[in-house]
């Protein structure tokens, strides 16, 4: 799930949450959970129901902070990586590890 401007919220169990990403694989879940906890968020993870046992296990990742919007936090450069750099869109999407502040490329 790419960054989208929509602020999606709901409930996991009895906890009100802001959804970060839904129906993601385990590697993506682990990445987001570690990044969000590093930035001080309480993360809630829910396993999606599988139709068959052969289907891959998917997850929903959410935070308990109802004001959190991933798009706003990434583009306003409010999230930090483990080494203290600011999170970019490519870093968030796990496309690259560059943490330079430019969102454009000059050729």
N, C-alpha and C. Protein backbone atom coordinates (compact mmCIF):
# COMPACT_ATOMS: atom_id res chain seq x y z
N UNK A 1 0.85 -1.18 0.00
CA UNK A 1 0.00 0.00 0.00
C UNK A 1 0.89 1.24 0.00
N UNK A 2 0.75 2.05 -0.98
CA UNK A 2 1.55 3.26 -1.09
C UNK A 2 0.97 4.34 -0.18
N UNK A 3 1.73 5.38 0.01
CA UNK A 3 1.25 6.50 0.81
C UNK A 3 0.05 7.13 0.13
N UNK A 4 -0.97 7.38 0.89
CA UNK A 4 -2.18 8.02 0.37
C UNK A 4 -2.58 9.12 1.34
N UNK A 5 -3.22 10.13 0.87
CA UNK A 5 -3.59 11.25 1.72
C UNK A 5 -4.70 10.95 2.70
N UNK A 6 -5.45 9.88 2.45
CA UNK A 6 -6.60 9.57 3.29
C UNK A 6 -6.17 9.09 4.67
N UNK A 7 -6.81 9.61 5.68
CA UNK A 7 -6.55 9.21 7.06
C UNK A 7 -7.55 8.11 7.41
N UNK A 8 -7.05 6.89 7.54
CA UNK A 8 -7.90 5.73 7.75
C UNK A 8 -7.81 5.28 9.21
N UNK A 9 -8.95 5.19 9.86
CA UNK A 9 -8.94 4.78 11.26
C UNK A 9 -10.08 3.83 11.53
N UNK A 10 -9.99 3.13 12.66
CA UNK A 10 -10.99 2.14 13.02
C UNK A 10 -10.64 1.49 14.34
N UNK A 11 -10.95 0.21 14.46
CA UNK A 11 -10.75 -0.50 15.71
C UNK A 11 -10.08 -1.85 15.45
N UNK A 12 -9.13 -2.20 16.28
CA UNK A 12 -8.56 -3.54 16.33
C UNK A 12 -8.80 -4.04 17.74
N UNK A 13 -9.57 -5.10 17.83
CA UNK A 13 -9.99 -5.55 19.17
C UNK A 13 -10.88 -4.47 19.75
N UNK A 14 -10.51 -3.95 20.90
CA UNK A 14 -11.24 -2.83 21.50
C UNK A 14 -10.41 -1.56 21.50
N UNK A 15 -9.35 -1.54 20.71
CA UNK A 15 -8.45 -0.40 20.66
C UNK A 15 -8.71 0.44 19.42
N UNK A 16 -8.95 1.73 19.62
CA UNK A 16 -9.11 2.65 18.48
C UNK A 16 -7.73 2.90 17.89
N UNK A 17 -7.63 2.80 16.57
CA UNK A 17 -6.34 2.91 15.91
C UNK A 17 -6.44 3.71 14.62
N UNK A 18 -5.28 4.19 14.19
CA UNK A 18 -5.11 4.72 12.85
C UNK A 18 -4.40 3.64 12.06
N UNK A 19 -5.00 3.21 10.95
CA UNK A 19 -4.38 2.17 10.13
C UNK A 19 -3.21 2.76 9.35
N UNK A 20 -2.10 2.05 9.38
CA UNK A 20 -0.92 2.47 8.63
C UNK A 20 -0.92 1.76 7.28
N UNK A 21 -0.99 0.44 7.29
CA UNK A 21 -1.11 -0.35 6.07
C UNK A 21 -1.87 -1.62 6.37
N UNK A 22 -2.62 -2.07 5.38
CA UNK A 22 -3.42 -3.29 5.51
C UNK A 22 -2.98 -4.31 4.47
N UNK A 23 -3.18 -5.58 4.80
CA UNK A 23 -2.91 -6.70 3.91
C UNK A 23 -1.47 -6.67 3.39
N UNK A 24 -0.53 -6.63 4.32
CA UNK A 24 0.88 -6.62 3.96
C UNK A 24 1.54 -7.90 4.44
N UNK A 25 2.67 -8.23 3.84
CA UNK A 25 3.40 -9.44 4.19
C UNK A 25 4.24 -9.22 5.45
N UNK A 26 4.79 -10.32 5.98
CA UNK A 26 5.49 -10.28 7.26
C UNK A 26 6.71 -9.37 7.25
N UNK A 27 7.49 -9.38 6.16
CA UNK A 27 8.68 -8.53 6.09
C UNK A 27 8.33 -7.05 6.17
N UNK A 28 7.28 -6.67 5.47
CA UNK A 28 6.82 -5.27 5.50
C UNK A 28 6.29 -4.91 6.88
N UNK A 29 5.55 -5.85 7.49
CA UNK A 29 5.02 -5.64 8.85
C UNK A 29 6.16 -5.40 9.82
N UNK A 30 7.20 -6.23 9.76
CA UNK A 30 8.33 -6.08 10.68
C UNK A 30 9.04 -4.75 10.48
N UNK A 31 9.21 -4.33 9.22
CA UNK A 31 9.85 -3.06 8.92
C UNK A 31 9.05 -1.89 9.51
N UNK A 32 7.75 -1.85 9.23
CA UNK A 32 6.92 -0.75 9.73
C UNK A 32 6.83 -0.75 11.25
N UNK A 33 6.70 -1.90 11.85
CA UNK A 33 6.60 -1.99 13.31
C UNK A 33 7.86 -1.44 13.95
N UNK A 34 9.01 -1.85 13.46
CA UNK A 34 10.28 -1.38 14.02
C UNK A 34 10.44 0.14 13.83
N UNK A 35 10.11 0.63 12.64
CA UNK A 35 10.25 2.06 12.35
C UNK A 35 9.31 2.90 13.22
N UNK A 36 8.07 2.48 13.33
CA UNK A 36 7.09 3.25 14.10
C UNK A 36 7.39 3.20 15.60
N UNK A 37 7.80 2.06 16.11
CA UNK A 37 8.16 1.97 17.53
C UNK A 37 9.39 2.81 17.82
N UNK A 38 10.34 2.85 16.91
CA UNK A 38 11.52 3.69 17.06
C UNK A 38 11.13 5.16 17.20
N UNK A 39 10.05 5.55 16.52
CA UNK A 39 9.58 6.93 16.55
C UNK A 39 8.56 7.18 17.65
N UNK A 40 8.42 6.26 18.58
CA UNK A 40 7.61 6.48 19.77
C UNK A 40 6.14 6.11 19.67
N UNK A 41 5.74 5.40 18.63
CA UNK A 41 4.33 5.02 18.48
C UNK A 41 4.07 3.66 19.10
N UNK A 42 2.88 3.50 19.65
CA UNK A 42 2.43 2.19 20.11
C UNK A 42 1.79 1.50 18.90
N UNK A 43 2.38 0.39 18.48
CA UNK A 43 1.96 -0.29 17.27
C UNK A 43 1.06 -1.48 17.62
N UNK A 44 -0.02 -1.63 16.86
CA UNK A 44 -0.93 -2.75 17.00
C UNK A 44 -0.92 -3.51 15.68
N UNK A 45 -0.69 -4.83 15.77
CA UNK A 45 -0.64 -5.67 14.56
C UNK A 45 -1.76 -6.70 14.66
N UNK A 46 -2.46 -6.87 13.55
CA UNK A 46 -3.53 -7.86 13.50
C UNK A 46 -3.30 -8.77 12.30
N UNK A 47 -3.44 -10.07 12.52
CA UNK A 47 -3.34 -11.02 11.41
C UNK A 47 -4.64 -11.00 10.63
N UNK A 48 -4.51 -10.94 9.30
CA UNK A 48 -5.69 -11.02 8.44
C UNK A 48 -6.14 -12.48 8.37
N UNK A 49 -7.42 -12.69 8.20
CA UNK A 49 -7.93 -14.05 8.06
C UNK A 49 -7.60 -14.58 6.68
N UNK A 50 -7.15 -15.85 6.64
CA UNK A 50 -6.81 -16.50 5.38
C UNK A 50 -7.99 -17.35 4.92
N UNK A 51 -8.21 -17.38 3.61
CA UNK A 51 -9.29 -18.21 3.07
C UNK A 51 -8.91 -19.68 3.11
N UNK A 52 -7.65 -19.97 2.80
CA UNK A 52 -7.15 -21.35 2.87
C UNK A 52 -5.81 -21.35 3.57
N UNK A 53 -5.38 -22.51 4.02
CA UNK A 53 -4.08 -22.62 4.69
C UNK A 53 -2.91 -22.37 3.75
N UNK A 54 -3.13 -22.50 2.45
CA UNK A 54 -2.06 -22.26 1.47
C UNK A 54 -1.83 -20.78 1.20
N UNK A 55 -2.80 -19.95 1.49
CA UNK A 55 -2.65 -18.51 1.28
C UNK A 55 -1.60 -17.96 2.23
N UNK A 56 -0.83 -16.96 1.77
CA UNK A 56 0.17 -16.36 2.66
C UNK A 56 -0.52 -15.59 3.80
N UNK A 57 0.13 -15.54 4.94
CA UNK A 57 -0.40 -14.78 6.07
C UNK A 57 -0.16 -13.29 5.82
N UNK A 58 -1.20 -12.50 5.88
CA UNK A 58 -1.09 -11.06 5.71
C UNK A 58 -1.46 -10.37 7.03
N UNK A 59 -1.03 -9.12 7.16
CA UNK A 59 -1.18 -8.40 8.41
C UNK A 59 -1.71 -6.99 8.18
N UNK A 60 -2.30 -6.44 9.23
CA UNK A 60 -2.67 -5.03 9.29
C UNK A 60 -1.83 -4.39 10.37
N UNK A 61 -1.20 -3.26 10.04
CA UNK A 61 -0.39 -2.52 11.00
C UNK A 61 -1.09 -1.20 11.29
N UNK A 62 -1.21 -0.89 12.58
CA UNK A 62 -1.88 0.34 12.99
C UNK A 62 -1.16 0.92 14.20
N UNK A 63 -1.45 2.17 14.50
CA UNK A 63 -0.91 2.83 15.70
C UNK A 63 -2.07 3.38 16.53
N UNK A 64 -1.84 3.54 17.82
CA UNK A 64 -2.89 4.02 18.70
C UNK A 64 -3.04 5.54 18.68
N UNK A 65 -2.11 6.24 18.05
CA UNK A 65 -2.18 7.70 17.93
C UNK A 65 -3.18 8.04 16.82
N UNK A 66 -4.33 8.56 17.20
CA UNK A 66 -5.39 8.84 16.23
C UNK A 66 -5.06 10.01 15.30
N UNK A 67 -4.05 10.80 15.62
CA UNK A 67 -3.69 11.93 14.76
C UNK A 67 -2.63 11.56 13.74
N UNK A 68 -2.09 10.33 13.81
CA UNK A 68 -1.03 9.92 12.90
C UNK A 68 -1.58 9.69 11.49
N UNK A 69 -0.96 10.34 10.51
CA UNK A 69 -1.25 10.12 9.10
C UNK A 69 0.10 9.86 8.44
N UNK A 70 0.34 8.64 7.93
CA UNK A 70 1.65 8.33 7.37
C UNK A 70 2.12 9.31 6.29
N UNK A 71 1.22 9.73 5.42
CA UNK A 71 1.61 10.65 4.36
C UNK A 71 2.12 11.97 4.92
N UNK A 72 1.40 12.51 5.87
CA UNK A 72 1.81 13.78 6.47
C UNK A 72 3.15 13.64 7.19
N UNK A 73 3.29 12.57 7.95
CA UNK A 73 4.53 12.38 8.72
C UNK A 73 5.73 12.15 7.82
N UNK A 74 5.57 11.43 6.72
CA UNK A 74 6.71 11.20 5.82
C UNK A 74 7.07 12.48 5.08
N UNK A 75 6.09 13.16 4.49
CA UNK A 75 6.40 14.34 3.69
C UNK A 75 6.76 15.57 4.52
N UNK A 76 6.35 15.60 5.78
CA UNK A 76 6.80 16.70 6.63
C UNK A 76 8.09 16.34 7.35
N UNK A 77 8.62 15.13 7.04
CA UNK A 77 9.93 14.68 7.51
C UNK A 77 10.00 14.60 9.02
N UNK A 78 8.94 14.05 9.63
CA UNK A 78 8.86 13.94 11.09
C UNK A 78 9.28 12.57 11.60
N UNK A 79 9.47 11.59 10.71
CA UNK A 79 9.92 10.26 11.12
C UNK A 79 11.42 10.15 10.94
N UNK A 80 12.07 9.43 11.84
CA UNK A 80 13.53 9.24 11.79
C UNK A 80 13.85 7.77 11.60
N UNK A 81 14.99 7.51 10.95
CA UNK A 81 15.50 6.16 10.81
C UNK A 81 16.30 5.80 12.06
N UNK A 82 16.74 4.57 12.15
CA UNK A 82 17.51 4.12 13.31
C UNK A 82 18.82 4.89 13.46
N UNK A 83 19.40 5.34 12.34
CA UNK A 83 20.66 6.09 12.43
C UNK A 83 20.44 7.60 12.48
N UNK A 84 19.20 8.04 12.70
CA UNK A 84 18.92 9.46 12.92
C UNK A 84 18.59 10.27 11.70
N UNK A 85 18.61 9.67 10.52
CA UNK A 85 18.23 10.40 9.31
C UNK A 85 16.72 10.48 9.19
N UNK A 86 16.25 11.40 8.36
CA UNK A 86 14.82 11.56 8.15
C UNK A 86 14.32 10.56 7.11
N UNK A 87 13.12 10.05 7.33
CA UNK A 87 12.52 9.06 6.44
C UNK A 87 11.99 9.75 5.19
N UNK A 88 12.35 9.23 4.04
CA UNK A 88 11.84 9.73 2.76
C UNK A 88 10.77 8.77 2.25
N UNK A 89 10.10 9.16 1.18
CA UNK A 89 9.08 8.31 0.59
C UNK A 89 9.68 6.98 0.11
N UNK A 90 10.85 7.02 -0.52
CA UNK A 90 11.49 5.79 -0.98
C UNK A 90 11.86 4.89 0.19
N UNK A 91 12.34 5.48 1.27
CA UNK A 91 12.69 4.68 2.45
C UNK A 91 11.43 4.04 3.03
N UNK A 92 10.36 4.81 3.16
CA UNK A 92 9.10 4.29 3.68
C UNK A 92 8.59 3.13 2.84
N UNK A 93 8.65 3.28 1.52
CA UNK A 93 8.16 2.25 0.61
C UNK A 93 9.16 1.12 0.39
N UNK A 94 10.31 1.20 1.02
CA UNK A 94 11.38 0.21 0.91
C UNK A 94 11.85 0.06 -0.52
N UNK A 95 11.87 1.17 -1.25
CA UNK A 95 12.38 1.18 -2.62
C UNK A 95 13.87 1.47 -2.62
N UNK A 96 14.32 2.27 -1.67
CA UNK A 96 15.72 2.62 -1.55
C UNK A 96 16.04 3.05 -0.13
N UNK A 97 17.31 3.27 0.13
CA UNK A 97 17.72 3.66 1.48
C UNK A 97 18.20 5.10 1.55
N UNK A 98 18.11 5.83 0.45
CA UNK A 98 18.55 7.22 0.43
C UNK A 98 17.69 8.06 1.37
N UNK A 99 18.33 8.89 2.15
CA UNK A 99 17.60 9.73 3.10
C UNK A 99 17.87 11.21 2.86
N UNK A 100 18.25 11.56 1.63
CA UNK A 100 18.43 12.97 1.29
C UNK A 100 17.07 13.65 1.29
N UNK A 101 17.03 14.94 1.58
CA UNK A 101 15.73 15.60 1.70
C UNK A 101 15.01 15.89 0.40
N UNK A 102 15.62 15.70 -0.75
CA UNK A 102 14.97 16.04 -2.00
C UNK A 102 14.04 14.92 -2.45
N UNK A 103 12.86 15.31 -2.91
CA UNK A 103 11.92 14.35 -3.48
C UNK A 103 11.98 14.36 -5.00
N UNK A 104 12.85 15.17 -5.56
CA UNK A 104 12.96 15.25 -6.99
C UNK A 104 14.37 14.84 -7.38
N UNK A 105 14.56 14.55 -8.63
CA UNK A 105 15.88 14.15 -9.12
C UNK A 105 16.30 15.15 -10.20
N UNK A 106 17.51 15.67 -10.06
CA UNK A 106 18.06 16.56 -11.08
C UNK A 106 19.03 15.75 -11.92
N UNK A 107 18.76 15.70 -13.21
CA UNK A 107 19.64 14.92 -14.11
C UNK A 107 20.60 15.81 -14.82
